[in-house]
Structure formats: C-alpha cells, structure tokens
PDB file of all heavy atoms in Angstrom:
ATOM      1  N   PHE A   1      21.225   8.258  28.017  1.00  0.00           N
ATOM      2  CA  PHE A   1      20.618   7.766  26.775  1.00  0.00           C
ATOM      3  C   PHE A   1      21.647   7.649  25.661  1.00  0.00           C
ATOM      4  O   PHE A   1      21.570   6.764  24.806  1.00  0.00           O
ATOM      5  CB  PHE A   1      19.439   8.653  26.345  1.00  0.00           C
ATOM      6  CG  PHE A   1      19.819   9.832  25.478  1.00  0.00           C
ATOM      7  CD1 PHE A   1      19.984   9.685  24.108  1.00  0.00           C
ATOM      8  CD2 PHE A   1      19.999  11.091  26.034  1.00  0.00           C
ATOM      9  CE1 PHE A   1      20.321  10.772  23.318  1.00  0.00           C
ATOM     10  CE2 PHE A   1      20.342  12.173  25.243  1.00  0.00           C
ATOM     11  CZ  PHE A   1      20.510  12.012  23.879  1.00  0.00           C
ATOM     12  N   ARG A   2      22.653   8.532  25.661  1.00  0.00           N
ATOM     13  CA  ARG A   2      23.659   8.501  24.603  1.00  0.00           C
ATOM     14  C   ARG A   2      24.644   7.358  24.774  1.00  0.00           C
ATOM     15  O   ARG A   2      25.479   7.124  23.897  1.00  0.00           O
ATOM     16  CB  ARG A   2      24.388   9.841  24.519  1.00  0.00           C
ATOM     17  CG  ARG A   2      25.156  10.197  25.751  1.00  0.00           C
ATOM     18  CD  ARG A   2      25.679  11.636  25.685  1.00  0.00           C
ATOM     19  NE  ARG A   2      24.583  12.588  25.724  1.00  0.00           N
ATOM     20  CZ  ARG A   2      24.614  13.785  25.152  1.00  0.00           C
ATOM     21  NH1 ARG A   2      25.664  14.177  24.498  1.00  0.00           N
ATOM     22  NH2 ARG A   2      23.588  14.597  25.235  1.00  0.00           N
ATOM     23  N   LEU A   3      24.566   6.654  25.900  1.00  0.00           N
ATOM     24  CA  LEU A   3      25.355   5.434  26.100  1.00  0.00           C
ATOM     25  C   LEU A   3      24.580   4.195  25.672  1.00  0.00           C
ATOM     26  O   LEU A   3      25.074   3.074  25.810  1.00  0.00           O
ATOM     27  CB  LEU A   3      25.758   5.300  27.577  1.00  0.00           C
ATOM     28  CG  LEU A   3      26.635   6.407  28.154  1.00  0.00           C
ATOM     29  CD1 LEU A   3      26.873   6.169  29.633  1.00  0.00           C
ATOM     30  CD2 LEU A   3      27.952   6.520  27.403  1.00  0.00           C
ATOM     31  N   GLY A   4      23.363   4.426  25.168  1.00  0.00           N
ATOM     32  CA  GLY A   4      22.525   3.299  24.770  1.00  0.00           C
ATOM     33  C   GLY A   4      21.652   2.773  25.888  1.00  0.00           C
ATOM     34  O   GLY A   4      21.025   1.719  25.745  1.00  0.00           O
ATOM     35  N   ILE A   5      21.598   3.503  27.015  1.00  0.00           N
ATOM     36  CA  ILE A   5      20.731   3.118  28.135  1.00  0.00           C
ATOM     37  C   ILE A   5      19.306   3.599  27.847  1.00  0.00           C
ATOM     38  O   ILE A   5      19.104   4.769  27.517  1.00  0.00           O
ATOM     39  CB  ILE A   5      21.216   3.741  29.461  1.00  0.00           C
ATOM     40  CG1 ILE A   5      22.662   3.316  29.770  1.00  0.00           C
ATOM     41  CG2 ILE A   5      20.282   3.394  30.609  1.00  0.00           C
ATOM     42  CD1 ILE A   5      22.810   1.894  30.191  1.00  0.00           C
ATOM     43  N   ALA A   6      18.353   2.727  27.973  1.00  0.00           N
ATOM     44  CA  ALA A   6      16.950   3.105  27.770  1.00  0.00           C
ATOM     45  C   ALA A   6      16.464   3.848  29.015  1.00  0.00           C
ATOM     46  O   ALA A   6      16.014   3.232  29.983  1.00  0.00           O
ATOM     47  CB  ALA A   6      16.096   1.871  27.518  1.00  0.00           C
ATOM     48  N   SER A   7      16.590   5.176  29.006  1.00  0.00           N
ATOM     49  CA  SER A   7      16.257   5.968  30.192  1.00  0.00           C
ATOM     50  C   SER A   7      15.177   6.994  29.879  1.00  0.00           C
ATOM     51  O   SER A   7      15.049   7.460  28.741  1.00  0.00           O
ATOM     52  CB  SER A   7      17.503   6.682  30.730  1.00  0.00           C
ATOM     53  OG  SER A   7      17.959   7.665  29.815  1.00  0.00           O
ATOM     54  N   THR A   8      14.413   7.332  30.908  1.00  0.00           N
ATOM     55  CA  THR A   8      13.379   8.360  30.826  1.00  0.00           C
ATOM     56  C   THR A   8      13.380   9.116  32.145  1.00  0.00           C
ATOM     57  O   THR A   8      13.575   8.509  33.203  1.00  0.00           O
ATOM     58  CB  THR A   8      11.986   7.741  30.601  1.00  0.00           C
ATOM     59  OG1 THR A   8      12.034   6.850  29.495  1.00  0.00           O
ATOM     60  CG2 THR A   8      10.940   8.823  30.342  1.00  0.00           C
ATOM     61  N   PHE A   9      13.174  10.434  32.080  1.00  0.00           N
ATOM     62  CA  PHE A   9      13.116  11.192  33.332  1.00  0.00           C
ATOM     63  C   PHE A   9      11.696  11.725  33.544  1.00  0.00           C
ATOM     64  O   PHE A   9      10.986  12.042  32.590  1.00  0.00           O
ATOM     65  CB  PHE A   9      14.134  12.335  33.351  1.00  0.00           C
ATOM     66  CG  PHE A   9      13.829  13.479  32.418  1.00  0.00           C
ATOM     67  CD1 PHE A   9      13.173  14.619  32.876  1.00  0.00           C
ATOM     68  CD2 PHE A   9      14.204  13.421  31.081  1.00  0.00           C
ATOM     69  CE1 PHE A   9      12.894  15.669  32.026  1.00  0.00           C
ATOM     70  CE2 PHE A   9      13.936  14.467  30.230  1.00  0.00           C
ATOM     71  CZ  PHE A   9      13.280  15.596  30.691  1.00  0.00           C
ATOM     72  N   TYR A  10      11.301  11.808  34.812  1.00  0.00           N
ATOM     73  CA  TYR A  10       9.973  12.284  35.189  1.00  0.00           C
ATOM     74  C   TYR A  10      10.106  13.341  36.281  1.00  0.00           C
ATOM     75  O   TYR A  10      10.801  13.124  37.280  1.00  0.00           O
ATOM     76  CB  TYR A  10       9.100  11.132  35.707  1.00  0.00           C
ATOM     77  CG  TYR A  10       8.776  10.084  34.676  1.00  0.00           C
ATOM     78  CD1 TYR A  10       9.515   8.902  34.603  1.00  0.00           C
ATOM     79  CD2 TYR A  10       7.737  10.267  33.763  1.00  0.00           C
ATOM     80  CE1 TYR A  10       9.230   7.930  33.659  1.00  0.00           C
ATOM     81  CE2 TYR A  10       7.438   9.299  32.815  1.00  0.00           C
ATOM     82  CZ  TYR A  10       8.189   8.142  32.762  1.00  0.00           C
ATOM     83  OH  TYR A  10       7.896   7.193  31.817  1.00  0.00           O
ATOM     84  N   THR A  11       9.427  14.458  36.097  1.00  0.00           N
ATOM     85  CA  THR A  11       9.461  15.536  37.087  1.00  0.00           C
ATOM     86  C   THR A  11       8.068  15.856  37.625  1.00  0.00           C
ATOM     87  O   THR A  11       7.894  16.818  38.357  1.00  0.00           O
ATOM     88  CB  THR A  11      10.073  16.808  36.478  1.00  0.00           C
ATOM     89  OG1 THR A  11       9.311  17.206  35.329  1.00  0.00           O
ATOM     90  CG2 THR A  11      11.519  16.557  36.052  1.00  0.00           C
ATOM     91  N   ASP A  12       7.080  15.050  37.263  1.00  0.00           N
ATOM     92  CA  ASP A  12       5.711  15.209  37.751  1.00  0.00           C
ATOM     93  C   ASP A  12       5.417  14.072  38.717  1.00  0.00           C
ATOM     94  O   ASP A  12       5.664  12.904  38.410  1.00  0.00           O
ATOM     95  CB  ASP A  12       4.725  15.183  36.581  1.00  0.00           C
ATOM     96  CG  ASP A  12       3.277  15.215  37.042  1.00  0.00           C
ATOM     97  OD1 ASP A  12       2.760  16.314  37.301  1.00  0.00           O
ATOM     98  OD2 ASP A  12       2.678  14.123  37.163  1.00  0.00           O
ATOM     99  N   SER A  13       4.906  14.387  39.896  1.00  0.00           N
ATOM    100  CA  SER A  13       4.740  13.367  40.938  1.00  0.00           C
ATOM    101  C   SER A  13       3.758  12.266  40.546  1.00  0.00           C
ATOM    102  O   SER A  13       3.957  11.097  40.892  1.00  0.00           O
ATOM    103  CB  SER A  13       4.293  14.026  42.246  1.00  0.00           C
ATOM    104  OG  SER A  13       3.057  14.712  42.079  1.00  0.00           O
ATOM    105  N   TYR A  14       2.693  12.609  39.796  1.00  0.00           N
ATOM    106  CA  TYR A  14       1.742  11.590  39.367  1.00  0.00           C
ATOM    107  C   TYR A  14       2.406  10.628  38.382  1.00  0.00           C
ATOM    108  O   TYR A  14       2.252   9.401  38.474  1.00  0.00           O
ATOM    109  CB  TYR A  14       0.521  12.241  38.726  1.00  0.00           C
ATOM    110  CG  TYR A  14      -0.486  12.762  39.726  1.00  0.00           C
ATOM    111  CD1 TYR A  14      -0.326  14.015  40.307  1.00  0.00           C
ATOM    112  CD2 TYR A  14      -1.575  12.002  40.114  1.00  0.00           C
ATOM    113  CE1 TYR A  14      -1.224  14.501  41.240  1.00  0.00           C
ATOM    114  CE2 TYR A  14      -2.493  12.468  41.039  1.00  0.00           C
ATOM    115  CZ  TYR A  14      -2.315  13.728  41.599  1.00  0.00           C
ATOM    116  OH  TYR A  14      -3.208  14.197  42.526  1.00  0.00           O
ATOM    117  N   MET A  15       3.148  11.189  37.407  1.00  0.00           N
ATOM    118  CA  MET A  15       3.831  10.348  36.435  1.00  0.00           C
ATOM    119  C   MET A  15       4.914   9.501  37.109  1.00  0.00           C
ATOM    120  O   MET A  15       5.166   8.359  36.693  1.00  0.00           O
ATOM    121  CB  MET A  15       4.455  11.220  35.354  1.00  0.00           C
ATOM    122  CG  MET A  15       3.448  11.909  34.448  1.00  0.00           C
ATOM    123  SD  MET A  15       2.449  10.719  33.511  1.00  0.00           S
ATOM    124  CE  MET A  15       3.697  10.006  32.441  1.00  0.00           C
ATOM    125  N   GLN A  16       5.533  10.037  38.151  1.00  0.00           N
ATOM    126  CA  GLN A  16       6.540   9.270  38.868  1.00  0.00           C
ATOM    127  C   GLN A  16       5.927   8.032  39.517  1.00  0.00           C
ATOM    128  O   GLN A  16       6.476   6.929  39.406  1.00  0.00           O
ATOM    129  CB  GLN A  16       7.211  10.161  39.924  1.00  0.00           C
ATOM    130  CG  GLN A  16       8.144  11.200  39.323  1.00  0.00           C
ATOM    131  CD  GLN A  16       8.639  12.210  40.334  1.00  0.00           C
ATOM    132  OE1 GLN A  16       8.186  12.244  41.479  1.00  0.00           O
ATOM    133  NE2 GLN A  16       9.577  13.053  39.927  1.00  0.00           N
ATOM    134  N   ARG A  17       4.804   8.205  40.165  1.00  0.00           N
ATOM    135  CA  ARG A  17       4.142   7.066  40.813  1.00  0.00           C
ATOM    136  C   ARG A  17       3.717   6.027  39.787  1.00  0.00           C
ATOM    137  O   ARG A  17       3.924   4.824  39.970  1.00  0.00           O
ATOM    138  CB  ARG A  17       2.932   7.536  41.612  1.00  0.00           C
ATOM    139  CG  ARG A  17       3.258   8.300  42.879  1.00  0.00           C
ATOM    140  CD  ARG A  17       1.986   8.751  43.579  1.00  0.00           C
ATOM    141  NE  ARG A  17       1.216   7.624  44.030  1.00  0.00           N
ATOM    142  CZ  ARG A  17       1.308   7.074  45.241  1.00  0.00           C
ATOM    143  NH1 ARG A  17       2.182   7.567  46.113  1.00  0.00           N
ATOM    144  NH2 ARG A  17       0.569   6.053  45.590  1.00  0.00           N
ATOM    145  N   MET A  18       3.094   6.481  38.705  1.00  0.00           N
ATOM    146  CA  MET A  18       2.604   5.545  37.701  1.00  0.00           C
ATOM    147  C   MET A  18       3.752   4.803  37.030  1.00  0.00           C
ATOM    148  O   MET A  18       3.690   3.581  36.818  1.00  0.00           O
ATOM    149  CB  MET A  18       1.751   6.272  36.663  1.00  0.00           C
ATOM    150  CG  MET A  18       0.410   6.752  37.205  1.00  0.00           C
ATOM    151  SD  MET A  18      -0.684   7.390  35.912  1.00  0.00           S
ATOM    152  CE  MET A  18       0.141   8.917  35.484  1.00  0.00           C
ATOM    153  N   SER A  19       4.824   5.525  36.694  1.00  0.00           N
ATOM    154  CA  SER A  19       5.952   4.878  36.033  1.00  0.00           C
ATOM    155  C   SER A  19       6.664   3.912  36.974  1.00  0.00           C
ATOM    156  O   SER A  19       7.138   2.846  36.547  1.00  0.00           O
ATOM    157  CB  SER A  19       6.927   5.926  35.501  1.00  0.00           C
ATOM    158  OG  SER A  19       7.459   6.715  36.549  1.00  0.00           O
ATOM    159  N   ALA A  20       6.745   4.262  38.262  1.00  0.00           N
ATOM    160  CA  ALA A  20       7.380   3.364  39.226  1.00  0.00           C
ATOM    161  C   ALA A  20       6.630   2.044  39.319  1.00  0.00           C
ATOM    162  O   ALA A  20       7.235   0.989  39.569  1.00  0.00           O
ATOM    163  CB  ALA A  20       7.453   4.034  40.594  1.00  0.00           C
ATOM    164  N   ALA A  21       5.329   2.095  39.100  1.00  0.00           N
ATOM    165  CA  ALA A  21       4.513   0.874  39.153  1.00  0.00           C
ATOM    166  C   ALA A  21       4.737  -0.024  37.937  1.00  0.00           C
ATOM    167  O   ALA A  21       4.271  -1.168  37.928  1.00  0.00           O
ATOM    168  CB  ALA A  21       3.040   1.233  39.266  1.00  0.00           C
ATOM    169  N   THR A  22       5.435   0.462  36.902  1.00  0.00           N
ATOM    170  CA  THR A  22       5.723  -0.357  35.718  1.00  0.00           C
ATOM    171  C   THR A  22       7.079  -1.037  35.810  1.00  0.00           C
ATOM    172  O   THR A  22       7.450  -1.797  34.910  1.00  0.00           O
ATOM    173  CB  THR A  22       5.697   0.499  34.432  1.00  0.00           C
ATOM    174  OG1 THR A  22       6.840   1.366  34.407  1.00  0.00           O
ATOM    175  CG2 THR A  22       4.421   1.324  34.347  1.00  0.00           C
ATOM    176  N   LEU A  23       7.841  -0.758  36.861  1.00  0.00           N
ATOM    177  CA  LEU A  23       9.189  -1.305  36.989  1.00  0.00           C
ATOM    178  C   LEU A  23       9.159  -2.786  37.336  1.00  0.00           C
ATOM    179  O   LEU A  23       8.210  -3.287  37.937  1.00  0.00           O
ATOM    180  CB  LEU A  23       9.965  -0.535  38.063  1.00  0.00           C
ATOM    181  CG  LEU A  23      10.326   0.918  37.710  1.00  0.00           C
ATOM    182  CD1 LEU A  23      10.787   1.664  38.946  1.00  0.00           C
ATOM    183  CD2 LEU A  23      11.399   0.949  36.622  1.00  0.00           C
ATOM    184  N   GLU A  24      10.242  -3.453  36.959  1.00  0.00           N
ATOM    185  CA  GLU A  24      10.415  -4.867  37.261  1.00  0.00           C
ATOM    186  C   GLU A  24      11.813  -5.101  37.817  1.00  0.00           C
ATOM    187  O   GLU A  24      12.620  -4.167  37.904  1.00  0.00           O
ATOM    188  CB  GLU A  24      10.185  -5.709  36.001  1.00  0.00           C
ATOM    189  CG  GLU A  24       8.794  -5.561  35.414  1.00  0.00           C
ATOM    190  CD  GLU A  24       8.624  -6.342  34.119  1.00  0.00           C
ATOM    191  OE1 GLU A  24       9.553  -7.109  33.762  1.00  0.00           O
ATOM    192  OE2 GLU A  24       7.575  -6.182  33.460  1.00  0.00           O
ATOM    193  N   ALA A  25      12.095  -6.351  38.165  1.00  0.00           N
ATOM    194  CA  ALA A  25      13.385  -6.673  38.773  1.00  0.00           C
ATOM    195  C   ALA A  25      14.558  -6.369  37.851  1.00  0.00           C
ATOM    196  O   ALA A  25      15.683  -6.140  38.325  1.00  0.00           O
ATOM    197  CB  ALA A  25      13.405  -8.144  39.174  1.00  0.00           C
ATOM    198  N   ALA A  26      14.332  -6.345  36.547  1.00  0.00           N
ATOM    199  CA  ALA A  26      15.409  -6.080  35.591  1.00  0.00           C
ATOM    200  C   ALA A  26      15.663  -4.587  35.400  1.00  0.00           C
ATOM    201  O   ALA A  26      16.551  -4.213  34.627  1.00  0.00           O
ATOM    202  CB  ALA A  26      15.074  -6.718  34.245  1.00  0.00           C
ATOM    203  N   ASP A  27      14.905  -3.719  36.083  1.00  0.00           N
ATOM    204  CA  ASP A  27      14.970  -2.275  35.875  1.00  0.00           C
ATOM    205  C   ASP A  27      15.675  -1.573  37.030  1.00  0.00           C
ATOM    206  O   ASP A  27      15.980  -2.178  38.058  1.00  0.00           O
ATOM    207  CB  ASP A  27      13.560  -1.710  35.718  1.00  0.00           C
ATOM    208  CG  ASP A  27      12.797  -2.375  34.586  1.00  0.00           C
ATOM    209  OD1 ASP A  27      13.441  -2.716  33.578  1.00  0.00           O
ATOM    210  OD2 ASP A  27      11.573  -2.561  34.716  1.00  0.00           O
ATOM    211  N   ALA A  28      15.906  -0.275  36.836  1.00  0.00           N
ATOM    212  CA  ALA A  28      16.511   0.555  37.884  1.00  0.00           C
ATOM    213  C   ALA A  28      15.850   1.922  37.891  1.00  0.00           C
ATOM    214  O   ALA A  28      15.299   2.361  36.881  1.00  0.00           O
ATOM    215  CB  ALA A  28      18.015   0.695  37.661  1.00  0.00           C
ATOM    216  N   ALA A  29      15.887   2.580  39.048  1.00  0.00           N
ATOM    217  CA  ALA A  29      15.331   3.932  39.191  1.00  0.00           C
ATOM    218  C   ALA A  29      16.334   4.801  39.936  1.00  0.00           C
ATOM    219  O   ALA A  29      16.948   4.360  40.912  1.00  0.00           O
ATOM    220  CB  ALA A  29      14.002   3.895  39.938  1.00  0.00           C
ATOM    221  N   ILE A  30      16.504   6.036  39.446  1.00  0.00           N
ATOM    222  CA  ILE A  30      17.417   7.001  40.071  1.00  0.00           C
ATOM    223  C   ILE A  30      16.592   8.156  40.627  1.00  0.00           C
ATOM    224  O   ILE A  30      15.706   8.679  39.937  1.00  0.00           O
ATOM    225  CB  ILE A  30      18.442   7.548  39.059  1.00  0.00           C
ATOM    226  CG1 ILE A  30      19.195   6.408  38.386  1.00  0.00           C
ATOM    227  CG2 ILE A  30      19.427   8.494  39.746  1.00  0.00           C
ATOM    228  CD1 ILE A  30      20.135   6.875  37.284  1.00  0.00           C
ATOM    229  N   PHE A  31      16.902   8.578  41.840  1.00  0.00           N
ATOM    230  CA  PHE A  31      16.193   9.670  42.501  1.00  0.00           C
ATOM    231  C   PHE A  31      17.193  10.766  42.846  1.00  0.00           C
ATOM    232  O   PHE A  31      18.161  10.526  43.568  1.00  0.00           O
ATOM    233  CB  PHE A  31      15.501   9.174  43.769  1.00  0.00           C
ATOM    234  CG  PHE A  31      14.475   8.110  43.510  1.00  0.00           C
ATOM    235  CD1 PHE A  31      14.861   6.777  43.344  1.00  0.00           C
ATOM    236  CD2 PHE A  31      13.140   8.426  43.414  1.00  0.00           C
ATOM    237  CE1 PHE A  31      13.917   5.786  43.097  1.00  0.00           C
ATOM    238  CE2 PHE A  31      12.180   7.452  43.158  1.00  0.00           C
ATOM    239  CZ  PHE A  31      12.579   6.130  43.002  1.00  0.00           C
ATOM    240  N   VAL A  32      16.956  11.968  42.305  1.00  0.00           N
ATOM    241  CA  VAL A  32      17.819  13.115  42.591  1.00  0.00           C
ATOM    242  C   VAL A  32      17.038  14.079  43.480  1.00  0.00           C
ATOM    243  O   VAL A  32      15.943  14.514  43.120  1.00  0.00           O
ATOM    244  CB  VAL A  32      18.253  13.832  41.301  1.00  0.00           C
ATOM    245  CG1 VAL A  32      19.231  14.957  41.629  1.00  0.00           C
ATOM    246  CG2 VAL A  32      18.884  12.855  40.317  1.00  0.00           C
ATOM    247  N   SER A  33      17.589  14.386  44.651  1.00  0.00           N
ATOM    248  CA  SER A  33      16.871  15.271  45.578  1.00  0.00           C
ATOM    249  C   SER A  33      17.855  16.020  46.463  1.00  0.00           C
ATOM    250  O   SER A  33      18.807  15.426  46.989  1.00  0.00           O
ATOM    251  CB  SER A  33      15.910  14.459  46.449  1.00  0.00           C
ATOM    252  OG  SER A  33      15.282  15.287  47.417  1.00  0.00           O
ATOM    253  N   SER A  34      17.630  17.320  46.631  1.00  0.00           N
ATOM    254  CA  SER A  34      18.491  18.120  47.503  1.00  0.00           C
ATOM    255  C   SER A  34      18.297  17.749  48.970  1.00  0.00           C
ATOM    256  O   SER A  34      19.261  17.624  49.720  1.00  0.00           O
ATOM    257  CB  SER A  34      18.199  19.609  47.306  1.00  0.00           C
ATOM    258  OG  SER A  34      18.503  20.008  45.990  1.00  0.00           O
ATOM    259  N   THR A  35      17.051  17.560  49.376  1.00  0.00           N
ATOM    260  CA  THR A  35      16.752  17.301  50.788  1.00  0.00           C
ATOM    261  C   THR A  35      16.505  15.836  51.091  1.00  0.00           C
ATOM    262  O   THR A  35      16.656  15.405  52.232  1.00  0.00           O
ATOM    263  CB  THR A  35      15.506  18.092  51.228  1.00  0.00           C
ATOM    264  OG1 THR A  35      14.354  17.600  50.515  1.00  0.00           O
ATOM    265  CG2 THR A  35      15.672  19.579  50.951  1.00  0.00           C
ATOM    266  N   GLY A  36      16.062  15.074  50.088  1.00  0.00           N
ATOM    267  CA  GLY A  36      15.687  13.681  50.314  1.00  0.00           C
ATOM    268  C   GLY A  36      14.407  13.537  51.103  1.00  0.00           C
ATOM    269  O   GLY A  36      14.120  12.463  51.644  1.00  0.00           O
ATOM    270  N   ARG A  37      13.584  14.596  51.123  1.00  0.00           N
ATOM    271  CA  ARG A  37      12.389  14.584  51.954  1.00  0.00           C
ATOM    272  C   ARG A  37      11.042  14.638  51.226  1.00  0.00           C
ATOM    273  O   ARG A  37      10.012  14.385  51.855  1.00  0.00           O
ATOM    274  CB  ARG A  37      12.438  15.741  52.961  1.00  0.00           C
ATOM    275  CG  ARG A  37      13.582  15.612  53.946  1.00  0.00           C
ATOM    276  CD  ARG A  37      13.587  16.724  54.975  1.00  0.00           C
ATOM    277  NE  ARG A  37      14.670  16.547  55.928  1.00  0.00           N
ATOM    278  CZ  ARG A  37      14.617  15.749  56.985  1.00  0.00           C
ATOM    279  NH1 ARG A  37      13.522  15.060  57.228  1.00  0.00           N
ATOM    280  NH2 ARG A  37      15.653  15.633  57.786  1.00  0.00           N
ATOM    281  N   PRO A  38      10.984  14.980  49.940  1.00  0.00           N
ATOM    282  CA  PRO A  38       9.661  15.051  49.300  1.00  0.00           C
ATOM    283  C   PRO A  38       8.894  13.735  49.430  1.00  0.00           C
ATOM    284  O   PRO A  38       9.398  12.663  49.088  1.00  0.00           O
ATOM    285  CB  PRO A  38       9.995  15.359  47.838  1.00  0.00           C
ATOM    286  CG  PRO A  38      11.293  16.069  47.898  1.00  0.00           C
ATOM    287  CD  PRO A  38      12.055  15.400  49.008  1.00  0.00           C
ATOM    288  N   ARG A  39       7.673  13.829  49.919  1.00  0.00           N
ATOM    289  CA  ARG A  39       6.861  12.644  50.131  1.00  0.00           C
ATOM    290  C   ARG A  39       6.631  11.889  48.830  1.00  0.00           C
ATOM    291  O   ARG A  39       6.596  10.653  48.808  1.00  0.00           O
ATOM    292  CB  ARG A  39       5.516  13.072  50.734  1.00  0.00           C
ATOM    293  CG  ARG A  39       4.569  11.959  51.101  1.00  0.00           C
ATOM    294  CD  ARG A  39       5.074  11.162  52.284  1.00  0.00           C
ATOM    295  NE  ARG A  39       5.500   9.835  51.891  1.00  0.00           N
ATOM    296  CZ  ARG A  39       6.022   8.934  52.702  1.00  0.00           C
ATOM    297  NH1 ARG A  39       6.219   9.252  53.967  1.00  0.00           N
ATOM    298  NH2 ARG A  39       6.386   7.747  52.280  1.00  0.00           N
ATOM    299  N   ALA A  40       6.482  12.635  47.719  1.00  0.00           N
ATOM    300  CA  ALA A  40       6.224  11.988  46.433  1.00  0.00           C
ATOM    301  C   ALA A  40       7.387  11.081  46.031  1.00  0.00           C
ATOM    302  O   ALA A  40       7.172   9.976  45.513  1.00  0.00           O
ATOM    303  CB  ALA A  40       5.985  13.053  45.360  1.00  0.00           C
ATOM    304  N   LEU A  41       8.615  11.531  46.257  1.00  0.00           N
ATOM    305  CA  LEU A  41       9.774  10.705  45.926  1.00  0.00           C
ATOM    306  C   LEU A  41       9.870   9.498  46.851  1.00  0.00           C
ATOM    307  O   LEU A  41      10.234   8.396  46.421  1.00  0.00           O
ATOM    308  CB  LEU A  41      11.053  11.527  46.003  1.00  0.00           C
ATOM    309  CG  LEU A  41      11.235  12.623  44.948  1.00  0.00           C
ATOM    310  CD1 LEU A  41      12.579  13.313  45.134  1.00  0.00           C
ATOM    311  CD2 LEU A  41      11.122  12.060  43.536  1.00  0.00           C
ATOM    312  N   GLN A  42       9.548   9.679  48.122  1.00  0.00           N
ATOM    313  CA  GLN A  42       9.554   8.553  49.052  1.00  0.00           C
ATOM    314  C   GLN A  42       8.540   7.494  48.631  1.00  0.00           C
ATOM    315  O   GLN A  42       8.817   6.288  48.690  1.00  0.00           O
ATOM    316  CB  GLN A  42       9.251   9.042  50.465  1.00  0.00           C
ATOM    317  CG  GLN A  42      10.329   9.937  51.064  1.00  0.00           C
ATOM    318  CD  GLN A  42       9.948  10.436  52.442  1.00  0.00           C
ATOM    319  OE1 GLN A  42       9.623   9.652  53.333  1.00  0.00           O
ATOM    320  NE2 GLN A  42       9.952  11.744  52.635  1.00  0.00           N
ATOM    321  N   ASP A  43       7.372   7.945  48.186  1.00  0.00           N
ATOM    322  CA  ASP A  43       6.351   7.001  47.716  1.00  0.00           C
ATOM    323  C   ASP A  43       6.833   6.246  46.485  1.00  0.00           C
ATOM    324  O   ASP A  43       6.616   5.040  46.344  1.00  0.00           O
ATOM    325  CB  ASP A  43       5.052   7.743  47.386  1.00  0.00           C
ATOM    326  CG  ASP A  43       4.359   8.293  48.626  1.00  0.00           C
ATOM    327  OD1 ASP A  43       4.697   7.846  49.746  1.00  0.00           O
ATOM    328  OD2 ASP A  43       3.488   9.173  48.481  1.00  0.00           O
ATOM    329  N   SER A  44       7.497   6.964  45.564  1.00  0.00           N
ATOM    330  CA  SER A  44       7.952   6.338  44.321  1.00  0.00           C
ATOM    331  C   SER A  44       9.078   5.335  44.572  1.00  0.00           C
ATOM    332  O   SER A  44       9.117   4.278  43.935  1.00  0.00           O
ATOM    333  CB  SER A  44       8.400   7.409  43.326  1.00  0.00           C
ATOM    334  OG  SER A  44       7.302   8.191  42.902  1.00  0.00           O
ATOM    335  N   VAL A  45       9.993   5.649  45.486  1.00  0.00           N
ATOM    336  CA  VAL A  45      11.056   4.691  45.779  1.00  0.00           C
ATOM    337  C   VAL A  45      10.480   3.456  46.461  1.00  0.00           C
ATOM    338  O   VAL A  45      10.941   2.319  46.237  1.00  0.00           O
ATOM    339  CB  VAL A  45      12.177   5.330  46.629  1.00  0.00           C
ATOM    340  CG1 VAL A  45      11.804   5.437  48.092  1.00  0.00           C
ATOM    341  CG2 VAL A  45      13.485   4.534  46.490  1.00  0.00           C
TER     342      VAL A  45
END
C-alpha cells in the first residue's frame, strides 16, 4: 500500500470468497500459505 498499490488483505474465508468474486481481468490476487492445501484458499483462487 505504501507503494501506491490499492491492496487489501483478507484472513476470513467468507470474505475471501466474496472479495474474489469482485475481481476483474485488471486485478491481481496473492495467496500466502504454508501448506497450499486449505480448501478455502483453493476455492478463492
């Protein structure tokens, strides 16, 4: 955000799903995960 990037972080699985549904081709999403296995993150990606 301090670079002027319009960024928001979400740590709640419901908010992750809803926010992912607002994305468009001009947007990007970053996923941080130790295991890469949480079903909620897989659904959001």
